C-alpha atoms as a PDB file:
ATOM      1  CA  MET A   1      24.320  49.908 -19.999  1.00  0.00           C
ATOM      2  CA  SER A   2      24.412  51.110 -16.410  1.00  0.00           C
ATOM      3  CA  ALA A   3      26.593  49.732 -13.616  1.00  0.00           C
ATOM      4  CA  GLN A   4      23.468  48.744 -11.733  1.00  0.00           C
ATOM      5  CA  THR A   5      22.387  46.525 -14.641  1.00  0.00           C
ATOM      6  CA  LEU A   6      25.854  44.904 -14.888  1.00  0.00           C
ATOM      7  CA  GLY A   7      25.893  44.171 -11.182  1.00  0.00           C
ATOM      8  CA  ALA A   8      22.402  42.670 -11.034  1.00  0.00           C
ATOM      9  CA  PRO A   9      23.394  39.035 -11.871  1.00  0.00           C
ATOM     10  CA  THR A  10      26.171  39.165  -9.279  1.00  0.00           C
ATOM     11  CA  VAL A  11      23.767  40.373  -6.619  1.00  0.00           C
ATOM     12  CA  THR A  12      21.260  37.675  -7.628  1.00  0.00           C
ATOM     13  CA  ARG A  13      23.904  34.934  -7.394  1.00  0.00           C
ATOM     14  CA  THR A  14      25.044  36.261  -4.008  1.00  0.00           C
ATOM     15  CA  VAL A  15      21.471  36.267  -2.702  1.00  0.00           C
ATOM     16  CA  ALA A  16      20.925  32.735  -4.072  1.00  0.00           C
ATOM     17  CA  ARG A  17      24.103  31.478  -2.392  1.00  0.00           C
ATOM     18  CA  GLY A  18      22.993  33.132   0.825  1.00  0.00           C
ATOM     19  CA  THR A  19      19.563  31.518   0.559  1.00  0.00           C
ATOM     20  CA  ASP A  20      21.078  28.060  -0.080  1.00  0.00           C
ATOM     21  CA  SER A  21      23.423  28.397   2.873  1.00  0.00           C
ATOM     22  CA  ASP A  22      20.517  29.458   5.104  1.00  0.00           C
ATOM     23  CA  ARG A  23      18.542  26.413   3.978  1.00  0.00           C
ATOM     24  CA  LEU A  24      21.474  24.100   4.696  1.00  0.00           C
ATOM     25  CA  ARG A  25      21.946  25.685   8.102  1.00  0.00           C
ATOM     26  CA  ARG A  26      18.260  25.303   8.950  1.00  0.00           C
ATOM     27  CA  SER A  27      18.126  21.707   7.697  1.00  0.00           C
ATOM     28  CA  GLY A  28      21.243  20.907   9.734  1.00  0.00           C
ATOM     29  CA  LYS A  29      19.574  22.249  12.871  1.00  0.00           C
ATOM     30  CA  ALA A  30      16.413  20.274  12.046  1.00  0.00           C
ATOM     31  CA  TRP A  31      18.401  17.030  11.720  1.00  0.00           C
ATOM     32  CA  LEU A  32      20.113  17.857  15.013  1.00  0.00           C
ATOM     33  CA  PHE A  33      16.736  18.074  16.761  1.00  0.00           C
ATOM     34  CA  ILE A  34      15.506  14.869  15.090  1.00  0.00           C
ATOM     35  CA  ALA A  35      18.697  12.926  15.904  1.00  0.00           C
ATOM     36  CA  PRO A  36      17.761  11.894  19.510  1.00  0.00           C
ATOM     37  CA  PHE A  37      14.418  10.495  18.372  1.00  0.00           C
ATOM     38  CA  GLY A  38      16.099   8.815  15.408  1.00  0.00           C
ATOM     39  CA  LEU A  39      18.592   7.085  17.687  1.00  0.00           C
ATOM     40  CA  PHE A  40      15.858   5.820  20.013  1.00  0.00           C
ATOM     41  CA  TYR A  41      13.756   4.755  17.003  1.00  0.00           C
ATOM     42  CA  LEU A  42      16.687   2.814  15.592  1.00  0.00           C
ATOM     43  CA  ALA A  43      17.730   1.302  18.927  1.00  0.00           C
ATOM     44  CA  PHE A  44      14.310   0.316  20.278  1.00  0.00           C
ATOM     45  CA  LEU A  45      12.151  -0.278  17.186  1.00  0.00           C
ATOM     46  CA  LEU A  46      14.003  -0.874  13.938  1.00  0.00           C
ATOM     47  CA  GLY A  47      16.868  -2.755  15.570  1.00  0.00           C
ATOM     48  CA  PRO A  48      14.705  -5.197  17.568  1.00  0.00           C
ATOM     49  CA  SER A  49      12.342  -5.609  14.590  1.00  0.00           C
ATOM     50  CA  LEU A  50      15.238  -6.583  12.336  1.00  0.00           C
ATOM     51  CA  TYR A  51      16.586  -8.959  15.000  1.00  0.00           C
ATOM     52  CA  MET A  52      13.093 -10.489  15.359  1.00  0.00           C
ATOM     53  CA  PHE A  53      12.849 -11.147  11.628  1.00  0.00           C
ATOM     54  CA  VAL A  54      16.320 -12.715  11.471  1.00  0.00           C
ATOM     55  CA  ALA A  55      15.762 -14.800  14.628  1.00  0.00           C
ATOM     56  CA  SER A  56      12.578 -16.263  13.142  1.00  0.00           C
ATOM     57  CA  PHE A  57      14.787 -18.352  10.813  1.00  0.00           C
ATOM     58  CA  PHE A  58      16.912 -19.764  13.673  1.00  0.00           C
ATOM     59  CA  ASP A  59      16.279 -21.981  16.676  1.00  0.00           C
ATOM     60  CA  THR A  60      17.155 -19.061  18.935  1.00  0.00           C
ATOM     61  CA  SER A  61      16.668 -19.725  22.630  1.00  0.00           C
ATOM     62  CA  ILE A  62      16.853 -17.542  25.714  1.00  0.00           C
ATOM     63  CA  VAL A  63      19.029 -20.124  27.499  1.00  0.00           C
ATOM     64  CA  LYS A  64      21.900 -19.999  24.994  1.00  0.00           C
ATOM     65  CA  THR A  65      23.888 -17.209  23.405  1.00  0.00           C
ATOM     66  CA  GLY A  66      23.741 -16.191  19.780  1.00  0.00           C
ATOM     67  CA  LEU A  67      21.100 -16.893  17.175  1.00  0.00           C
ATOM     68  CA  GLY A  68      21.559 -20.667  17.261  1.00  0.00           C
ATOM     69  CA  ASN A  69      21.246 -22.924  14.231  1.00  0.00           C
ATOM     70  CA  PHE A  70      19.688 -21.843  10.965  1.00  0.00           C
ATOM     71  CA  ILE A  71      16.478 -23.818  10.396  1.00  0.00           C
ATOM     72  CA  GLY A  72      14.880 -21.859   7.552  1.00  0.00           C
ATOM     73  CA  LEU A  73      11.086 -21.791   7.598  1.00  0.00           C
ATOM     74  CA  GLU A  74      10.689 -24.511  10.218  1.00  0.00           C
ATOM     75  CA  ASN A  75       9.429 -22.078  12.864  1.00  0.00           C
ATOM     76  CA  TYR A  76       6.760 -20.833  10.474  1.00  0.00           C
ATOM     77  CA  THR A  77       5.631 -24.286   9.376  1.00  0.00           C
ATOM     78  CA  THR A  78       5.486 -25.454  12.989  1.00  0.00           C
ATOM     79  CA  LEU A  79       3.363 -22.479  13.969  1.00  0.00           C
ATOM     80  CA  LEU A  80       1.009 -22.771  11.028  1.00  0.00           C
ATOM     81  CA  SER A  81       0.377 -26.413  11.939  1.00  0.00           C
ATOM     82  CA  SER A  82       0.002 -25.674  15.666  1.00  0.00           C
ATOM     83  CA  SER A  83      -3.515 -25.706  17.103  1.00  0.00           C
ATOM     84  CA  ASP A  84      -2.361 -23.533  20.010  1.00  0.00           C
ATOM     85  CA  PHE A  85      -1.211 -20.795  17.620  1.00  0.00           C
ATOM     86  CA  TRP A  86      -4.482 -20.798  15.694  1.00  0.00           C
ATOM     87  CA  ALA A  87      -6.448 -20.861  18.956  1.00  0.00           C
ATOM     88  CA  SER A  88      -4.580 -17.745  20.114  1.00  0.00           C
ATOM     89  CA  MET A  89      -5.306 -16.031  16.799  1.00  0.00           C
ATOM     90  CA  TRP A  90      -8.990 -16.931  17.152  1.00  0.00           C
ATOM     91  CA  HIS A  91      -9.071 -15.537  20.691  1.00  0.00           C
ATOM     92  CA  THR A  92      -7.475 -12.335  19.385  1.00  0.00           C
ATOM     93  CA  LEU A  93     -10.116 -12.097  16.660  1.00  0.00           C
ATOM     94  CA  GLN A  94     -12.813 -12.873  19.205  1.00  0.00           C
ATOM     95  CA  PHE A  95     -11.628 -10.021  21.424  1.00  0.00           C
ATOM     96  CA  THR A  96     -11.526  -7.706  18.389  1.00  0.00           C
ATOM     97  CA  LEU A  97     -15.110  -8.591  17.477  1.00  0.00           C
ATOM     98  CA  TYR A  98     -16.234  -8.009  21.066  1.00  0.00           C
ATOM     99  CA  THR A  99     -14.591  -4.600  21.429  1.00  0.00           C
ATOM    100  CA  VAL A 100     -14.383  -2.793  18.067  1.00  0.00           C
ATOM    101  CA  PRO A 101     -18.128  -2.429  17.268  1.00  0.00           C
ATOM    102  CA  PRO A 102     -19.147  -1.051  20.706  1.00  0.00           C
ATOM    103  CA  LEU A 103     -16.068   1.183  20.900  1.00  0.00           C
ATOM    104  CA  VAL A 104     -16.906   2.730  17.520  1.00  0.00           C
ATOM    105  CA  VAL A 105     -20.700   2.904  17.843  1.00  0.00           C
ATOM    106  CA  LEU A 106     -20.940   3.944  21.506  1.00  0.00           C
ATOM    107  CA  SER A 107     -18.206   6.556  21.246  1.00  0.00           C
ATOM    108  CA  PHE A 108     -19.984   8.055  18.214  1.00  0.00           C
ATOM    109  CA  VAL A 109     -23.370   8.092  19.992  1.00  0.00           C
ATOM    110  CA  PHE A 110     -21.965   9.630  23.163  1.00  0.00           C
ATOM    111  CA  ALA A 111     -20.019  12.232  21.165  1.00  0.00           C
ATOM    112  CA  VAL A 112     -23.166  13.241  19.244  1.00  0.00           C
ATOM    113  CA  LEU A 113     -25.127  13.576  22.490  1.00  0.00           C
ATOM    114  CA  ALA A 114     -22.368  15.573  24.196  1.00  0.00           C
ATOM    115  CA  ASN A 115     -21.958  17.840  21.167  1.00  0.00           C
ATOM    116  CA  ARG A 116     -25.664  18.734  21.288  1.00  0.00           C
ATOM    117  CA  MET A 117     -25.464  19.773  24.931  1.00  0.00           C
ATOM    118  CA  GLN A 118     -25.297  23.492  25.531  1.00  0.00           C
ATOM    119  CA  ARG A 119     -23.722  23.064  28.966  1.00  0.00           C
ATOM    120  CA  GLY A 120     -21.515  20.501  30.654  1.00  0.00           C
ATOM    121  CA  GLN A 121     -19.341  19.482  27.682  1.00  0.00           C
ATOM    122  CA  VAL A 122     -16.159  19.901  29.725  1.00  0.00           C
ATOM    123  CA  PHE A 123     -17.527  17.601  32.426  1.00  0.00           C
ATOM    124  CA  TRP A 124     -18.447  14.870  29.930  1.00  0.00           C
ATOM    125  CA  ARG A 125     -15.057  15.113  28.225  1.00  0.00           C
ATOM    126  CA  MET A 126     -13.349  14.573  31.571  1.00  0.00           C
ATOM    127  CA  ALA A 127     -15.775  11.813  32.587  1.00  0.00           C
ATOM    128  CA  PHE A 128     -15.167   9.810  29.414  1.00  0.00           C
ATOM    129  CA  PHE A 129     -11.444  10.482  29.018  1.00  0.00           C
ATOM    130  CA  THR A 130     -10.283  10.084  32.640  1.00  0.00           C
ATOM    131  CA  PRO A 131     -10.314   6.230  32.612  1.00  0.00           C
ATOM    132  CA  PHE A 132      -8.160   6.258  29.479  1.00  0.00           C
ATOM    133  CA  ILE A 133      -5.260   7.973  31.269  1.00  0.00           C
ATOM    134  CA  LEU A 134      -5.183   5.316  33.997  1.00  0.00           C
ATOM    135  CA  PRO A 135      -2.539   2.574  33.630  1.00  0.00           C
ATOM    136  CA  SER A 136      -3.616  -0.866  32.502  1.00  0.00           C
ATOM    137  CA  ALA A 137      -2.599  -2.355  35.860  1.00  0.00           C
ATOM    138  CA  ALA A 138      -5.031  -0.082  37.713  1.00  0.00           C
ATOM    139  CA  ILE A 139      -7.838  -0.856  35.271  1.00  0.00           C
ATOM    140  CA  SER A 140      -7.202  -4.590  35.588  1.00  0.00           C
ATOM    141  CA  LEU A 141      -7.266  -4.455  39.389  1.00  0.00           C
ATOM    142  CA  ILE A 142     -10.539  -2.498  39.350  1.00  0.00           C
ATOM    143  CA  TRP A 143     -12.268  -5.020  37.117  1.00  0.00           C
ATOM    144  CA  VAL A 144     -10.779  -8.066  38.836  1.00  0.00           C
ATOM    145  CA  PHE A 145     -12.336  -6.692  42.022  1.00  0.00           C
ATOM    146  CA  ILE A 146     -15.673  -6.132  40.241  1.00  0.00           C
ATOM    147  CA  PHE A 147     -15.690  -9.677  38.830  1.00  0.00           C
ATOM    148  CA  THR A 148     -14.399 -11.387  41.998  1.00  0.00           C
ATOM    149  CA  ALA A 149     -16.511 -14.456  42.733  1.00  0.00           C
ATOM    150  CA  ASP A 150     -18.922 -14.197  45.717  1.00  0.00           C
ATOM    151  CA  THR A 151     -17.612 -10.830  47.024  1.00  0.00           C
ATOM    152  CA  GLY A 152     -17.236  -8.712  43.869  1.00  0.00           C
ATOM    153  CA  LEU A 153     -19.611  -5.995  42.732  1.00  0.00           C
ATOM    154  CA  TRP A 154     -20.960  -8.125  39.873  1.00  0.00           C
ATOM    155  CA  ALA A 155     -21.594 -11.034  42.259  1.00  0.00           C
ATOM    156  CA  THR A 156     -23.463  -8.651  44.593  1.00  0.00           C
ATOM    157  CA  VAL A 157     -25.661  -7.448  41.722  1.00  0.00           C
ATOM    158  CA  GLN A 158     -26.454 -11.066  40.812  1.00  0.00           C
ATOM    159  CA  LYS A 159     -27.437 -11.755  44.440  1.00  0.00           C
ATOM    160  CA  TRP A 160     -29.807  -8.769  44.360  1.00  0.00           C
ATOM    161  CA  PHE A 161     -31.623 -10.498  41.507  1.00  0.00           C
ATOM    162  CA  GLY A 162     -31.949 -13.751  43.457  1.00  0.00           C
ATOM    163  CA  SER A 163     -28.903 -15.746  42.310  1.00  0.00           C
ATOM    164  CA  ASP A 164     -27.653 -18.014  45.082  1.00  0.00           C
ATOM    165  CA  ALA A 165     -24.511 -18.978  43.149  1.00  0.00           C
ATOM    166  CA  PRO A 166     -23.197 -15.930  41.247  1.00  0.00           C
ATOM    167  CA  THR A 167     -21.356 -16.745  38.027  1.00  0.00           C
ATOM    168  CA  PRO A 168     -17.584 -16.088  38.330  1.00  0.00           C
ATOM    169  CA  VAL A 169     -16.998 -14.232  35.064  1.00  0.00           C
ATOM    170  CA  LEU A 170     -13.206 -14.484  34.871  1.00  0.00           C
ATOM    171  CA  ALA A 171     -13.245 -18.130  35.971  1.00  0.00           C
ATOM    172  CA  THR A 172     -15.782 -19.213  33.332  1.00  0.00           C
ATOM    173  CA  PRO A 173     -14.206 -20.077  29.952  1.00  0.00           C
ATOM    174  CA  SER A 174     -17.196 -18.857  27.946  1.00  0.00           C
ATOM    175  CA  LEU A 175     -17.413 -15.541  29.825  1.00  0.00           C
ATOM    176  CA  ALA A 176     -13.807 -14.612  30.636  1.00  0.00           C
ATOM    177  CA  MET A 177     -13.173 -12.920  27.269  1.00  0.00           C
ATOM    178  CA  VAL A 178     -16.448 -11.022  27.580  1.00  0.00           C
ATOM    179  CA  GLY A 179     -15.332  -9.713  30.974  1.00  0.00           C
ATOM    180  CA  ILE A 180     -11.998  -8.551  29.559  1.00  0.00           C
ATOM    181  CA  ALA A 181     -13.820  -6.905  26.642  1.00  0.00           C
ATOM    182  CA  VAL A 182     -16.171  -5.026  28.991  1.00  0.00           C
ATOM    183  CA  ALA A 183     -13.207  -3.736  30.984  1.00  0.00           C
ATOM    184  CA  THR A 184     -11.465  -2.646  27.784  1.00  0.00           C
ATOM    185  CA  VAL A 185     -14.519  -0.820  26.426  1.00  0.00           C
ATOM    186  CA  TRP A 186     -14.931   1.081  29.699  1.00  0.00           C
ATOM    187  CA  TRP A 187     -11.220   1.912  29.724  1.00  0.00           C
ATOM    188  CA  THR A 188     -10.656   3.075  26.132  1.00  0.00           C
ATOM    189  CA  ILE A 189     -13.975   4.506  24.940  1.00  0.00           C
ATOM    190  CA  GLY A 190     -12.870   7.995  25.983  1.00  0.00           C
ATOM    191  CA  PHE A 191     -10.158   8.184  23.320  1.00  0.00           C
ATOM    192  CA  ASN A 192     -12.581   7.498  20.467  1.00  0.00           C
ATOM    193  CA  PHE A 193     -15.103   9.816  22.115  1.00  0.00           C
ATOM    194  CA  ILE A 194     -12.620  12.709  21.950  1.00  0.00           C
ATOM    195  CA  LEU A 195     -11.779  11.968  18.301  1.00  0.00           C
ATOM    196  CA  TYR A 196     -15.440  11.979  17.318  1.00  0.00           C
ATOM    197  CA  LEU A 197     -16.195  15.082  19.365  1.00  0.00           C
ATOM    198  CA  ALA A 198     -13.349  16.941  17.672  1.00  0.00           C
ATOM    199  CA  GLY A 199     -14.686  15.874  14.275  1.00  0.00           C
ATOM    200  CA  LEU A 200     -18.210  16.977  15.175  1.00  0.00           C
ATOM    201  CA  GLN A 201     -17.028  20.408  16.236  1.00  0.00           C
ATOM    202  CA  ASP A 202     -15.364  20.883  12.834  1.00  0.00           C
ATOM    203  CA  ILE A 203     -18.728  20.510  11.061  1.00  0.00           C
ATOM    204  CA  PRO A 204     -20.260  23.976  10.444  1.00  0.00           C
ATOM    205  CA  ARG A 205     -23.415  24.626  12.464  1.00  0.00           C
ATOM    206  CA  GLU A 206     -24.937  26.304   9.401  1.00  0.00           C
ATOM    207  CA  LEU A 207     -25.343  22.892   7.741  1.00  0.00           C
ATOM    208  CA  TYR A 208     -27.546  21.648  10.580  1.00  0.00           C
ATOM    209  CA  GLU A 209     -29.510  24.907  10.671  1.00  0.00           C
ATOM    210  CA  ALA A 210     -30.168  24.688   6.923  1.00  0.00           C
ATOM    211  CA  ALA A 211     -31.218  21.044   7.260  1.00  0.00           C
ATOM    212  CA  ALA A 212     -33.572  21.918  10.132  1.00  0.00           C
ATOM    213  CA  ILE A 213     -35.141  24.705   8.054  1.00  0.00           C
ATOM    214  CA  ASP A 214     -35.705  22.184   5.252  1.00  0.00           C
ATOM    215  CA  GLY A 215     -37.573  19.976   7.719  1.00  0.00           C
ATOM    216  CA  ALA A 216     -34.900  17.349   8.461  1.00  0.00           C
ATOM    217  CA  THR A 217     -35.371  15.503  11.733  1.00  0.00           C
ATOM    218  CA  PRO A 218     -32.426  15.014  14.136  1.00  0.00           C
ATOM    219  CA  TRP A 219     -32.057  11.408  12.940  1.00  0.00           C
ATOM    220  CA  GLN A 220     -32.051  12.533   9.299  1.00  0.00           C
ATOM    221  CA  GLN A 221     -29.393  15.139  10.115  1.00  0.00           C
ATOM    222  CA  ILE A 222     -27.214  12.466  11.713  1.00  0.00           C
ATOM    223  CA  ARG A 223     -27.776  10.009   8.859  1.00  0.00           C
ATOM    224  CA  HIS A 224     -27.283  12.390   5.927  1.00  0.00           C
ATOM    225  CA  LEU A 225     -24.886  14.975   7.413  1.00  0.00           C
ATOM    226  CA  THR A 226     -23.002  13.747  10.449  1.00  0.00           C
ATOM    227  CA  ILE A 227     -22.160  10.187   9.393  1.00  0.00           C
ATOM    228  CA  PRO A 228     -20.929  11.097   5.870  1.00  0.00           C
ATOM    229  CA  LEU A 229     -18.900  14.086   7.102  1.00  0.00           C
ATOM    230  CA  LEU A 230     -17.259  11.922   9.789  1.00  0.00           C
ATOM    231  CA  SER A 231     -16.391   9.073   7.423  1.00  0.00           C
ATOM    232  CA  ARG A 232     -12.637   9.779   7.560  1.00  0.00           C
ATOM    233  CA  THR A 233     -12.750   9.995  11.350  1.00  0.00           C
ATOM    234  CA  THR A 234     -14.595   6.683  11.435  1.00  0.00           C
ATOM    235  CA  THR A 235     -12.015   4.944   9.229  1.00  0.00           C
ATOM    236  CA  LEU A 236      -9.246   6.302  11.478  1.00  0.00           C
ATOM    237  CA  VAL A 237     -11.035   5.133  14.637  1.00  0.00           C
ATOM    238  CA  LEU A 238     -11.636   1.709  13.088  1.00  0.00           C
ATOM    239  CA  LEU A 239      -7.987   1.325  12.106  1.00  0.00           C
ATOM    240  CA  LEU A 240      -6.632   2.401  15.488  1.00  0.00           C
ATOM    241  CA  GLN A 241      -9.128   0.234  17.344  1.00  0.00           C
ATOM    242  CA  ILE A 242      -8.549  -2.898  15.266  1.00  0.00           C
ATOM    243  CA  ILE A 243      -4.767  -2.590  15.618  1.00  0.00           C
ATOM    244  CA  ALA A 244      -5.049  -1.971  19.363  1.00  0.00           C
ATOM    245  CA  SER A 245      -7.347  -4.987  19.736  1.00  0.00           C
ATOM    246  CA  LEU A 246      -5.000  -7.240  17.765  1.00  0.00           C
ATOM    247  CA  LYS A 247      -2.199  -6.210  20.123  1.00  0.00           C
ATOM    248  CA  ILE A 248      -4.192  -6.930  23.282  1.00  0.00           C
ATOM    249  CA  PHE A 249      -1.917  -8.117  26.075  1.00  0.00           C
ATOM    250  CA  ASP A 250      -2.017  -6.120  29.327  1.00  0.00           C
ATOM    251  CA  GLN A 251      -5.600  -6.794  30.394  1.00  0.00           C
ATOM    252  CA  VAL A 252      -5.447 -10.478  29.489  1.00  0.00           C
ATOM    253  CA  TYR A 253      -2.117 -11.051  31.220  1.00  0.00           C
ATOM    254  CA  LEU A 254      -3.153  -9.195  34.383  1.00  0.00           C
ATOM    255  CA  MET A 255      -6.774 -10.359  34.648  1.00  0.00           C
ATOM    256  CA  THR A 256      -6.636 -14.013  33.554  1.00  0.00           C
ATOM    257  CA  ASN A 257      -3.093 -14.765  32.309  1.00  0.00           C
ATOM    258  CA  GLY A 258      -4.725 -16.506  29.367  1.00  0.00           C
ATOM    259  CA  GLY A 259      -7.044 -18.631  31.477  1.00  0.00           C
ATOM    260  CA  PRO A 260      -9.181 -20.371  32.438  1.00  0.00           C
ATOM    261  CA  GLY A 261      -7.107 -22.968  30.626  1.00  0.00           C
ATOM    262  CA  THR A 262      -6.244 -21.202  27.387  1.00  0.00           C
ATOM    263  CA  SER A 263      -9.683 -19.674  26.757  1.00  0.00           C
ATOM    264  CA  THR A 264      -8.328 -16.096  26.732  1.00  0.00           C
ATOM    265  CA  GLU A 265      -4.808 -16.735  25.444  1.00  0.00           C
ATOM    266  CA  THR A 266      -4.406 -14.096  22.721  1.00  0.00           C
ATOM    267  CA  ALA A 267      -1.603 -13.840  20.157  1.00  0.00           C
ATOM    268  CA  LEU A 268       0.705 -11.697  22.289  1.00  0.00           C
ATOM    269  CA  VAL A 269       0.146 -13.870  25.359  1.00  0.00           C
ATOM    270  CA  PHE A 270       0.988 -16.925  23.237  1.00  0.00           C
ATOM    271  CA  ILE A 271       4.127 -15.167  21.949  1.00  0.00           C
ATOM    272  CA  THR A 272       5.177 -14.217  25.482  1.00  0.00           C
ATOM    273  CA  LYS A 273       4.734 -17.756  26.801  1.00  0.00           C
ATOM    274  CA  THR A 274       6.518 -19.245  23.786  1.00  0.00           C
ATOM    275  CA  GLY A 275       9.496 -16.929  24.179  1.00  0.00           C
ATOM    276  CA  PHE A 276       9.851 -16.581  27.945  1.00  0.00           C
ATOM    277  CA  THR A 277       8.224 -19.731  29.334  1.00  0.00           C
ATOM    278  CA  ASP A 278       9.211 -22.263  26.682  1.00  0.00           C
ATOM    279  CA  TYR A 279      12.461 -20.324  25.892  1.00  0.00           C
ATOM    280  CA  ARG A 280      11.767 -20.605  22.138  1.00  0.00           C
ATOM    281  CA  ILE A 281      12.713 -17.120  21.009  1.00  0.00           C
ATOM    282  CA  GLY A 282      12.907 -18.133  17.352  1.00  0.00           C
ATOM    283  CA  ALA A 283       9.336 -19.470  17.340  1.00  0.00           C
ATOM    284  CA  ALA A 284       8.110 -16.406  19.251  1.00  0.00           C
ATOM    285  CA  ALA A 285       9.821 -14.173  16.671  1.00  0.00           C
ATOM    286  CA  ALA A 286       8.083 -16.037  13.841  1.00  0.00           C
ATOM    287  CA  ALA A 287       4.697 -15.652  15.550  1.00  0.00           C
ATOM    288  CA  SER A 288       5.411 -11.947  16.082  1.00  0.00           C
ATOM    289  CA  PHE A 289       6.229 -11.497  12.407  1.00  0.00           C
ATOM    290  CA  LEU A 290       3.006 -13.240  11.354  1.00  0.00           C
ATOM    291  CA  LEU A 291       1.003 -10.921  13.618  1.00  0.00           C
ATOM    292  CA  PHE A 292       2.937  -7.957  12.197  1.00  0.00           C
ATOM    293  CA  VAL A 293       1.966  -9.005   8.658  1.00  0.00           C
ATOM    294  CA  VAL A 294      -1.720  -9.129   9.655  1.00  0.00           C
ATOM    295  CA  ILE A 295      -1.533  -5.614  11.132  1.00  0.00           C
ATOM    296  CA  VAL A 296       0.266  -4.224   8.058  1.00  0.00           C
ATOM    297  CA  VAL A 297      -2.362  -5.739   5.742  1.00  0.00           C
ATOM    298  CA  ILE A 298      -5.135  -4.071   7.760  1.00  0.00           C
ATOM    299  CA  ALA A 299      -3.312  -0.716   7.625  1.00  0.00           C
ATOM    300  CA  LEU A 300      -2.900  -1.026   3.846  1.00  0.00           C
ATOM    301  CA  VAL A 301      -6.593  -1.832   3.438  1.00  0.00           C
ATOM    302  CA  ARG A 302      -7.414   1.303   5.397  1.00  0.00           C
ATOM    303  CA  GLN A 303      -5.169   3.369   3.105  1.00  0.00           C
ATOM    304  CA  ILE A 304      -6.914   1.946   0.036  1.00  0.00           C
ATOM    305  CA  VAL A 305     -10.333   2.706   1.504  1.00  0.00           C
ATOM    306  CA  GLU A 306      -9.317   6.270   2.392  1.00  0.00           C
ATOM    307  CA  ARG A 307      -7.986   6.934  -1.115  1.00  0.00           C
ATOM    308  CA  ALA A 308     -11.188   5.552  -2.620  1.00  0.00           C
ATOM    309  CA  GLN A 309     -13.195   7.885  -0.369  1.00  0.00           C
ATOM    310  CA  GLN A 310     -11.070  10.858  -1.455  1.00  0.00           C
ATOM    311  CA  LYS A 311     -11.599  10.016  -5.112  1.00  0.00           C
ATOM    312  CA  GLY A 312     -15.308   9.610  -4.565  1.00  0.00           C
ATOM    313  CA  ALA A 313     -15.467  12.994  -2.869  1.00  0.00           C
END
């Protein structure tokens, strides 16, 4: 037996030890890069979330130190029997129903139209996405100006059509949520538009050419090719949009502050007023946890639907 054969296991073990040490060194560097994010994640998300859950079982108040007295499920039972809490949840659902369908359907339609254009796609991407990068305060100010009674742009349009007393949208309980929804659709449609456009550009052109050769009309191509191939993009857009709508706060707080009366008081506005106006941090924490449970359930449903789609494919 040659010396080379005798030394082979030793060389193999040496190489293996060297490979393991390289892996440990690389993983150590990876953890070092992740550490800053991990610290911020722990300090500003996990930590406050844990404190919120614990505080929901106490009569915690902003005007006294510590968690306060342990009261068990009293915060939850009080909320679940509160008409104001259920009204805020209904307003949140109402806003979701007003915004999710148009944000999904219109963004899909505009993306399909832009994708079929031979020229000007860059312009339309910028035109749709530019409002999305503006801060919520700027968007709210723009639309408060548009909906200003008597002097706003919407009031001027109503006067053009012969209305002597233009309807103040944000001051009318039955219309205020519609006004906020319109502002939100204009503001955020660009994000969904970009997602759909990216999905459309991943679909091979050959599929549409083959369908056209077989005599498929543009509508048939959209119905039998585009919509099925974008099903995963649609479920993602739906999930992101529903969660964003359930967490609506900025536009409501800045445009109406929950008014007129409480006609636009959504869940997060109710939580904010409970915690920082009524000083009931424990009750606000309980309401936050209930909203968190609703969002988690929706995310789990989306995961189940996506897995079912994958199995079906």
